[in-house]
């Protein structure tokens, strides 16, 4: 059984109203973390940066404003499958990206074929895997 889905899309990194540039972004989904998608941004001159957030948040954000906290996803227009605005924030620092919706929908469709939405908890011992991951995170925080 396949355990992951990957895709690459081009997104616009919007620096200001006057300046934006296209960057490659890797999309990733793995059955070992069935609720999350990962986006790895390849900004010129910087090391790649990966953000993980809810698969459902990405799906919802294609059609209507979604997200609280550090990740906000919003369609840019009222028509179906318009571009999507993705705002990522850490403290006062923000990054704004714009992506075409169809490649995101195609990626999400592939994740749904791998693990249908609502079926994430049927994958083996997800609770134990989550507990193990949280234990590693806490151990790293306590060590640093």
N, C-alpha and C. Protein backbone atom coordinates (compact mmCIF):
# COMPACT_ATOMS: atom_id res chain seq x y z
N UNK A 1 0.83 -1.18 0.00
CA UNK A 1 0.00 0.00 0.00
C UNK A 1 0.89 1.26 0.00
N UNK A 2 0.53 2.18 -0.83
CA UNK A 2 1.24 3.45 -0.88
C UNK A 2 1.02 4.20 0.43
N UNK A 3 2.06 4.89 0.92
CA UNK A 3 1.96 5.54 2.22
C UNK A 3 2.10 7.05 2.17
N UNK A 4 2.32 7.62 0.96
CA UNK A 4 2.47 9.06 0.88
C UNK A 4 2.04 9.57 -0.48
N UNK A 5 1.81 10.88 -0.52
CA UNK A 5 1.47 11.58 -1.75
C UNK A 5 2.32 12.84 -1.77
N UNK A 6 2.95 13.09 -2.93
CA UNK A 6 3.73 14.31 -3.08
C UNK A 6 3.31 15.01 -4.37
N UNK A 7 3.50 16.31 -4.38
CA UNK A 7 3.27 17.11 -5.59
C UNK A 7 4.12 18.36 -5.47
N UNK A 8 4.38 18.98 -6.59
CA UNK A 8 5.07 20.27 -6.58
C UNK A 8 4.22 21.26 -7.34
N UNK A 9 4.03 22.43 -6.76
CA UNK A 9 3.28 23.51 -7.41
C UNK A 9 4.12 24.79 -7.37
N UNK A 10 3.82 25.68 -8.27
CA UNK A 10 4.43 27.00 -8.22
C UNK A 10 3.47 27.94 -7.52
N UNK A 11 3.97 28.69 -6.57
CA UNK A 11 3.17 29.68 -5.87
C UNK A 11 3.84 31.03 -6.00
N UNK A 12 3.05 32.07 -5.88
CA UNK A 12 3.60 33.42 -5.84
C UNK A 12 3.87 33.77 -4.38
N UNK A 13 5.09 34.20 -4.12
CA UNK A 13 5.46 34.72 -2.80
C UNK A 13 5.27 36.23 -2.91
N UNK A 14 4.32 36.76 -2.16
CA UNK A 14 3.96 38.17 -2.27
C UNK A 14 4.71 38.94 -1.19
N UNK A 15 5.69 39.71 -1.63
CA UNK A 15 6.51 40.50 -0.73
C UNK A 15 5.82 41.82 -0.42
N UNK A 16 5.23 42.44 -1.44
CA UNK A 16 4.48 43.69 -1.29
C UNK A 16 3.52 43.80 -2.47
N UNK A 17 2.75 44.86 -2.51
CA UNK A 17 1.84 45.04 -3.65
C UNK A 17 2.59 45.15 -4.96
N UNK A 18 3.82 45.63 -4.90
CA UNK A 18 4.61 45.83 -6.11
C UNK A 18 5.54 44.67 -6.43
N UNK A 19 5.78 43.79 -5.48
CA UNK A 19 6.80 42.76 -5.67
C UNK A 19 6.30 41.38 -5.26
N UNK A 20 6.36 40.46 -6.21
CA UNK A 20 6.09 39.05 -5.89
C UNK A 20 6.91 38.21 -6.86
N UNK A 21 7.22 37.00 -6.47
CA UNK A 21 7.93 36.11 -7.38
C UNK A 21 7.48 34.69 -7.15
N UNK A 22 7.64 33.88 -8.21
CA UNK A 22 7.18 32.49 -8.19
C UNK A 22 8.24 31.62 -7.53
N UNK A 23 7.78 30.71 -6.69
CA UNK A 23 8.69 29.76 -6.04
C UNK A 23 8.09 28.35 -6.12
N UNK A 24 8.93 27.34 -6.15
CA UNK A 24 8.42 25.96 -6.08
C UNK A 24 8.06 25.61 -4.64
N UNK A 25 6.94 24.93 -4.50
CA UNK A 25 6.48 24.48 -3.19
C UNK A 25 6.15 23.00 -3.29
N UNK A 26 6.76 22.21 -2.42
CA UNK A 26 6.47 20.79 -2.38
C UNK A 26 5.31 20.54 -1.43
N UNK A 27 4.33 19.80 -1.90
CA UNK A 27 3.20 19.39 -1.06
C UNK A 27 3.43 17.94 -0.67
N UNK A 28 3.16 17.62 0.59
CA UNK A 28 3.35 16.25 1.04
C UNK A 28 2.27 15.81 2.00
N UNK A 29 1.95 14.52 1.92
CA UNK A 29 0.96 13.91 2.80
C UNK A 29 1.42 12.50 3.09
N UNK A 30 1.37 12.10 4.36
CA UNK A 30 1.80 10.75 4.75
C UNK A 30 0.75 10.10 5.63
N UNK A 31 0.57 8.80 5.46
CA UNK A 31 -0.41 8.08 6.26
C UNK A 31 -0.04 8.04 7.73
N UNK A 32 1.26 8.20 8.05
CA UNK A 32 1.66 8.17 9.45
C UNK A 32 1.21 9.44 10.19
N UNK A 33 0.83 10.48 9.46
CA UNK A 33 0.27 11.70 10.04
C UNK A 33 -0.94 12.08 9.20
N UNK A 34 -2.03 11.31 9.31
CA UNK A 34 -3.13 11.41 8.34
C UNK A 34 -3.97 12.69 8.41
N UNK A 35 -3.81 13.48 9.43
CA UNK A 35 -4.60 14.72 9.53
C UNK A 35 -3.88 15.91 8.92
N UNK A 36 -2.59 15.78 8.60
CA UNK A 36 -1.78 16.94 8.21
C UNK A 36 -1.30 16.86 6.77
N UNK A 37 -1.13 18.04 6.19
CA UNK A 37 -0.40 18.19 4.94
C UNK A 37 0.83 19.03 5.25
N UNK A 38 1.84 18.89 4.43
CA UNK A 38 3.06 19.67 4.61
C UNK A 38 3.35 20.44 3.33
N UNK A 39 3.76 21.68 3.51
CA UNK A 39 4.20 22.50 2.39
C UNK A 39 5.63 22.92 2.67
N UNK A 40 6.52 22.61 1.73
CA UNK A 40 7.91 23.00 1.86
C UNK A 40 8.18 24.09 0.83
N UNK A 41 8.49 25.28 1.34
CA UNK A 41 8.71 26.46 0.51
C UNK A 41 10.20 26.59 0.23
N UNK A 42 10.53 26.79 -1.04
CA UNK A 42 11.92 26.96 -1.45
C UNK A 42 12.13 28.42 -1.85
N UNK A 43 12.49 29.23 -0.85
CA UNK A 43 12.72 30.65 -1.08
C UNK A 43 14.16 30.87 -1.53
N UNK A 44 14.37 31.73 -2.53
CA UNK A 44 15.73 31.96 -3.02
C UNK A 44 16.65 32.44 -1.91
N UNK A 45 17.81 31.82 -1.81
CA UNK A 45 18.82 32.24 -0.85
C UNK A 45 18.60 31.75 0.56
N UNK A 46 17.53 31.04 0.83
CA UNK A 46 17.24 30.52 2.16
C UNK A 46 17.11 29.00 2.12
N UNK A 47 17.27 28.39 3.27
CA UNK A 47 17.02 26.96 3.38
C UNK A 47 15.52 26.73 3.24
N UNK A 48 15.12 25.58 2.71
CA UNK A 48 13.69 25.30 2.60
C UNK A 48 13.01 25.37 3.97
N UNK A 49 11.76 25.83 3.95
CA UNK A 49 10.97 25.96 5.18
C UNK A 49 9.72 25.11 5.01
N UNK A 50 9.45 24.24 6.00
CA UNK A 50 8.29 23.36 5.93
C UNK A 50 7.26 23.76 6.97
N UNK A 51 6.02 23.86 6.54
CA UNK A 51 4.89 24.11 7.43
C UNK A 51 3.96 22.91 7.35
N UNK A 52 3.47 22.46 8.50
CA UNK A 52 2.48 21.39 8.56
C UNK A 52 1.21 21.95 9.17
N UNK A 53 0.09 21.63 8.56
CA UNK A 53 -1.20 22.06 9.10
C UNK A 53 -2.28 21.10 8.61
N UNK A 54 -3.48 21.27 9.11
CA UNK A 54 -4.56 20.34 8.85
C UNK A 54 -4.94 20.22 7.38
N UNK A 55 -5.08 18.99 6.93
CA UNK A 55 -5.53 18.74 5.56
C UNK A 55 -6.90 19.36 5.34
N UNK A 56 -7.76 19.26 6.35
CA UNK A 56 -9.10 19.81 6.24
C UNK A 56 -9.07 21.35 6.14
N UNK A 57 -8.10 21.98 6.80
CA UNK A 57 -7.95 23.43 6.71
C UNK A 57 -7.66 23.84 5.26
N UNK A 58 -6.78 23.12 4.59
CA UNK A 58 -6.48 23.42 3.19
C UNK A 58 -7.71 23.21 2.33
N UNK A 59 -8.40 22.13 2.53
CA UNK A 59 -9.61 21.84 1.76
C UNK A 59 -10.66 22.94 1.98
N UNK A 60 -10.92 23.30 3.23
CA UNK A 60 -11.92 24.33 3.52
C UNK A 60 -11.51 25.68 2.95
N UNK A 61 -10.22 26.00 3.01
CA UNK A 61 -9.73 27.31 2.57
C UNK A 61 -9.82 27.53 1.07
N UNK A 62 -9.98 26.47 0.30
CA UNK A 62 -10.12 26.63 -1.14
C UNK A 62 -11.47 27.26 -1.48
N UNK A 63 -12.48 27.02 -0.64
CA UNK A 63 -13.83 27.50 -0.92
C UNK A 63 -14.30 28.66 -0.05
N UNK A 64 -13.70 28.81 1.14
CA UNK A 64 -14.14 29.86 2.06
C UNK A 64 -12.98 30.19 3.00
N UNK A 65 -12.95 31.40 3.55
CA UNK A 65 -11.88 31.74 4.49
C UNK A 65 -11.82 30.73 5.64
N UNK A 66 -10.61 30.24 5.93
CA UNK A 66 -10.42 29.24 6.97
C UNK A 66 -9.12 29.50 7.71
N UNK A 67 -9.12 29.08 8.96
CA UNK A 67 -7.90 29.13 9.74
C UNK A 67 -7.95 30.14 10.85
N UNK A 68 -7.32 29.77 11.92
CA UNK A 68 -7.12 30.63 13.08
C UNK A 68 -5.67 30.48 13.48
N UNK A 69 -5.13 31.48 14.11
CA UNK A 69 -3.76 31.36 14.55
C UNK A 69 -2.76 31.62 13.46
N UNK A 70 -1.83 30.68 13.24
CA UNK A 70 -0.69 30.90 12.37
C UNK A 70 -0.95 30.67 10.88
N UNK A 71 -2.03 29.98 10.54
CA UNK A 71 -2.29 29.65 9.14
C UNK A 71 -3.70 30.11 8.77
N UNK A 72 -3.77 30.92 7.70
CA UNK A 72 -5.06 31.37 7.16
C UNK A 72 -5.06 31.10 5.67
N UNK A 73 -6.13 30.47 5.20
CA UNK A 73 -6.25 30.14 3.78
C UNK A 73 -7.59 30.70 3.30
N UNK A 74 -7.55 31.43 2.19
CA UNK A 74 -8.73 32.14 1.71
C UNK A 74 -8.78 32.13 0.19
N UNK A 75 -9.94 31.84 -0.40
CA UNK A 75 -10.04 32.00 -1.86
C UNK A 75 -9.93 33.49 -2.18
N UNK A 76 -9.34 33.82 -3.33
CA UNK A 76 -9.15 35.22 -3.68
C UNK A 76 -10.33 35.81 -4.43
N UNK A 77 -11.24 34.96 -4.88
CA UNK A 77 -12.41 35.45 -5.62
C UNK A 77 -13.63 34.61 -5.33
N UNK A 78 -14.79 35.10 -5.76
CA UNK A 78 -16.04 34.38 -5.46
C UNK A 78 -16.29 33.17 -6.36
N UNK A 79 -15.61 33.08 -7.51
CA UNK A 79 -15.86 31.98 -8.42
C UNK A 79 -15.23 30.69 -7.90
N UNK A 80 -15.81 29.58 -8.32
CA UNK A 80 -15.27 28.28 -7.92
C UNK A 80 -13.84 28.13 -8.42
N UNK A 81 -13.00 27.56 -7.60
CA UNK A 81 -11.61 27.28 -7.91
C UNK A 81 -10.83 28.52 -8.36
N UNK A 82 -11.05 29.61 -7.64
CA UNK A 82 -10.23 30.79 -7.88
C UNK A 82 -8.86 30.54 -7.25
N UNK A 83 -7.98 31.50 -7.36
CA UNK A 83 -6.70 31.38 -6.67
C UNK A 83 -6.94 31.36 -5.17
N UNK A 84 -5.95 30.89 -4.44
CA UNK A 84 -6.04 30.76 -2.99
C UNK A 84 -4.89 31.56 -2.37
N UNK A 85 -5.21 32.32 -1.34
CA UNK A 85 -4.22 33.06 -0.58
C UNK A 85 -3.89 32.25 0.67
N UNK A 86 -2.60 32.07 0.92
CA UNK A 86 -2.14 31.32 2.10
C UNK A 86 -1.25 32.25 2.91
N UNK A 87 -1.71 32.59 4.11
CA UNK A 87 -0.91 33.47 4.98
C UNK A 87 -0.38 32.65 6.14
N UNK A 88 0.93 32.69 6.32
CA UNK A 88 1.59 32.00 7.42
C UNK A 88 2.19 33.06 8.33
N UNK A 89 2.07 32.83 9.63
CA UNK A 89 2.51 33.85 10.58
C UNK A 89 3.20 33.20 11.78
N UNK A 90 4.34 33.79 12.16
CA UNK A 90 5.03 33.42 13.39
C UNK A 90 5.31 34.72 14.12
N UNK A 91 4.62 34.93 15.24
CA UNK A 91 4.76 36.20 15.96
C UNK A 91 4.33 37.34 15.06
N UNK A 92 5.20 38.33 14.91
CA UNK A 92 4.89 39.48 14.05
C UNK A 92 5.29 39.24 12.60
N UNK A 93 6.01 38.16 12.32
CA UNK A 93 6.46 37.87 10.96
C UNK A 93 5.38 37.14 10.18
N UNK A 94 5.13 37.64 8.96
CA UNK A 94 4.11 37.03 8.11
C UNK A 94 4.68 36.77 6.73
N UNK A 95 4.16 35.75 6.10
CA UNK A 95 4.49 35.46 4.70
C UNK A 95 3.17 35.19 3.98
N UNK A 96 3.03 35.76 2.80
CA UNK A 96 1.81 35.60 2.03
C UNK A 96 2.14 34.94 0.70
N UNK A 97 1.36 33.91 0.37
CA UNK A 97 1.55 33.17 -0.87
C UNK A 97 0.22 33.10 -1.61
N UNK A 98 0.31 32.97 -2.92
CA UNK A 98 -0.89 32.82 -3.74
C UNK A 98 -0.68 31.62 -4.64
N UNK A 99 -1.69 30.75 -4.67
CA UNK A 99 -1.59 29.53 -5.46
C UNK A 99 -2.85 29.35 -6.29
N UNK A 100 -2.70 28.67 -7.39
CA UNK A 100 -3.85 28.30 -8.19
C UNK A 100 -4.57 27.15 -7.48
N UNK A 101 -5.88 27.21 -7.41
CA UNK A 101 -6.63 26.18 -6.69
C UNK A 101 -6.61 24.80 -7.34
N UNK A 102 -6.71 24.67 -8.68
CA UNK A 102 -6.79 23.32 -9.26
C UNK A 102 -5.66 22.37 -8.87
N UNK A 103 -4.38 22.80 -8.84
CA UNK A 103 -3.35 21.83 -8.41
C UNK A 103 -3.50 21.43 -6.94
N UNK A 104 -4.00 22.35 -6.10
CA UNK A 104 -4.23 22.01 -4.70
C UNK A 104 -5.36 21.00 -4.58
N UNK A 105 -6.42 21.20 -5.37
CA UNK A 105 -7.54 20.26 -5.37
C UNK A 105 -7.09 18.89 -5.86
N UNK A 106 -6.27 18.86 -6.91
CA UNK A 106 -5.76 17.58 -7.42
C UNK A 106 -4.93 16.86 -6.36
N UNK A 107 -4.09 17.61 -5.64
CA UNK A 107 -3.30 17.02 -4.56
C UNK A 107 -4.21 16.46 -3.47
N UNK A 108 -5.19 17.26 -3.05
CA UNK A 108 -6.11 16.80 -2.00
C UNK A 108 -6.92 15.59 -2.45
N UNK A 109 -7.27 15.54 -3.72
CA UNK A 109 -7.99 14.37 -4.24
C UNK A 109 -7.13 13.12 -4.12
N UNK A 110 -5.83 13.26 -4.40
CA UNK A 110 -4.92 12.12 -4.26
C UNK A 110 -4.79 11.70 -2.80
N UNK A 111 -4.77 12.66 -1.85
CA UNK A 111 -4.70 12.29 -0.43
C UNK A 111 -5.97 11.57 -0.02
N UNK A 112 -7.10 12.01 -0.57
CA UNK A 112 -8.38 11.39 -0.22
C UNK A 112 -8.47 9.96 -0.74
N UNK A 113 -7.83 9.69 -1.86
CA UNK A 113 -7.80 8.32 -2.37
C UNK A 113 -6.94 7.43 -1.47
N UNK A 114 -5.92 8.02 -0.88
CA UNK A 114 -5.04 7.28 0.03
C UNK A 114 -5.71 7.07 1.38
N UNK A 115 -6.24 8.15 1.97
CA UNK A 115 -6.96 8.09 3.24
C UNK A 115 -8.18 9.01 3.11
N UNK A 116 -9.37 8.44 2.93
CA UNK A 116 -10.55 9.29 2.78
C UNK A 116 -10.76 10.17 4.01
N UNK A 117 -11.19 11.42 3.77
CA UNK A 117 -11.50 12.32 4.87
C UNK A 117 -12.50 11.65 5.80
N UNK A 118 -12.25 11.75 7.08
CA UNK A 118 -13.10 11.12 8.08
C UNK A 118 -12.66 9.71 8.44
N UNK A 119 -11.72 9.15 7.70
CA UNK A 119 -11.25 7.78 7.96
C UNK A 119 -9.85 7.75 8.57
N UNK A 120 -9.35 8.92 8.99
CA UNK A 120 -7.98 9.00 9.48
C UNK A 120 -7.72 8.09 10.69
N UNK A 121 -8.69 7.97 11.56
CA UNK A 121 -8.50 7.18 12.78
C UNK A 121 -8.52 5.68 12.54
N UNK A 122 -8.87 5.26 11.34
CA UNK A 122 -8.91 3.83 11.05
C UNK A 122 -7.54 3.29 10.66
N UNK A 123 -6.53 4.15 10.62
CA UNK A 123 -5.18 3.73 10.22
C UNK A 123 -4.42 3.16 11.41
N UNK A 124 -4.45 1.90 11.60
CA UNK A 124 -3.63 1.25 12.62
C UNK A 124 -3.74 1.91 13.98
N UNK A 125 -2.60 2.09 14.63
CA UNK A 125 -2.56 2.60 15.98
C UNK A 125 -2.18 4.08 15.99
N UNK A 126 -3.06 4.92 15.43
CA UNK A 126 -2.80 6.35 15.33
C UNK A 126 -2.58 6.97 16.70
N UNK A 127 -3.38 6.58 17.69
CA UNK A 127 -3.25 7.17 19.02
C UNK A 127 -1.88 6.88 19.62
N UNK A 128 -1.35 5.67 19.45
CA UNK A 128 -0.02 5.35 19.97
C UNK A 128 1.05 6.14 19.22
N UNK A 129 0.90 6.25 17.88
CA UNK A 129 1.85 7.03 17.10
C UNK A 129 1.84 8.49 17.54
N UNK A 130 0.66 9.04 17.81
CA UNK A 130 0.55 10.42 18.27
C UNK A 130 1.21 10.58 19.63
N UNK A 131 0.96 9.63 20.53
CA UNK A 131 1.57 9.69 21.86
C UNK A 131 3.10 9.62 21.77
N UNK A 132 3.61 8.76 20.89
CA UNK A 132 5.06 8.67 20.69
C UNK A 132 5.62 9.98 20.16
N UNK A 133 4.94 10.57 19.19
CA UNK A 133 5.40 11.84 18.60
C UNK A 133 5.38 12.95 19.64
N UNK A 134 4.33 13.03 20.43
CA UNK A 134 4.26 14.06 21.47
C UNK A 134 5.36 13.86 22.50
N UNK A 135 5.66 12.61 22.83
CA UNK A 135 6.75 12.33 23.76
C UNK A 135 8.08 12.81 23.23
N UNK A 136 8.34 12.60 21.93
CA UNK A 136 9.59 13.08 21.32
C UNK A 136 9.65 14.60 21.34
N UNK A 137 8.53 15.26 21.04
CA UNK A 137 8.50 16.73 21.03
C UNK A 137 8.78 17.27 22.42
N UNK A 138 8.13 16.70 23.42
CA UNK A 138 8.35 17.17 24.80
C UNK A 138 9.78 16.93 25.24
N UNK A 139 10.35 15.80 24.86
CA UNK A 139 11.73 15.50 25.22
C UNK A 139 12.68 16.51 24.57
N UNK A 140 12.42 16.89 23.32
CA UNK A 140 13.24 17.88 22.63
C UNK A 140 13.13 19.25 23.31
N UNK A 141 11.92 19.62 23.71
CA UNK A 141 11.72 20.92 24.38
C UNK A 141 12.43 20.95 25.72
N UNK A 142 12.37 19.86 26.47
CA UNK A 142 13.01 19.80 27.77
C UNK A 142 14.54 19.76 27.65
N UNK A 143 15.03 19.20 26.56
CA UNK A 143 16.48 19.13 26.36
C UNK A 143 17.06 20.48 25.92
N UNK A 144 16.22 21.32 25.29
CA UNK A 144 16.72 22.58 24.73
C UNK A 144 16.47 23.68 25.61
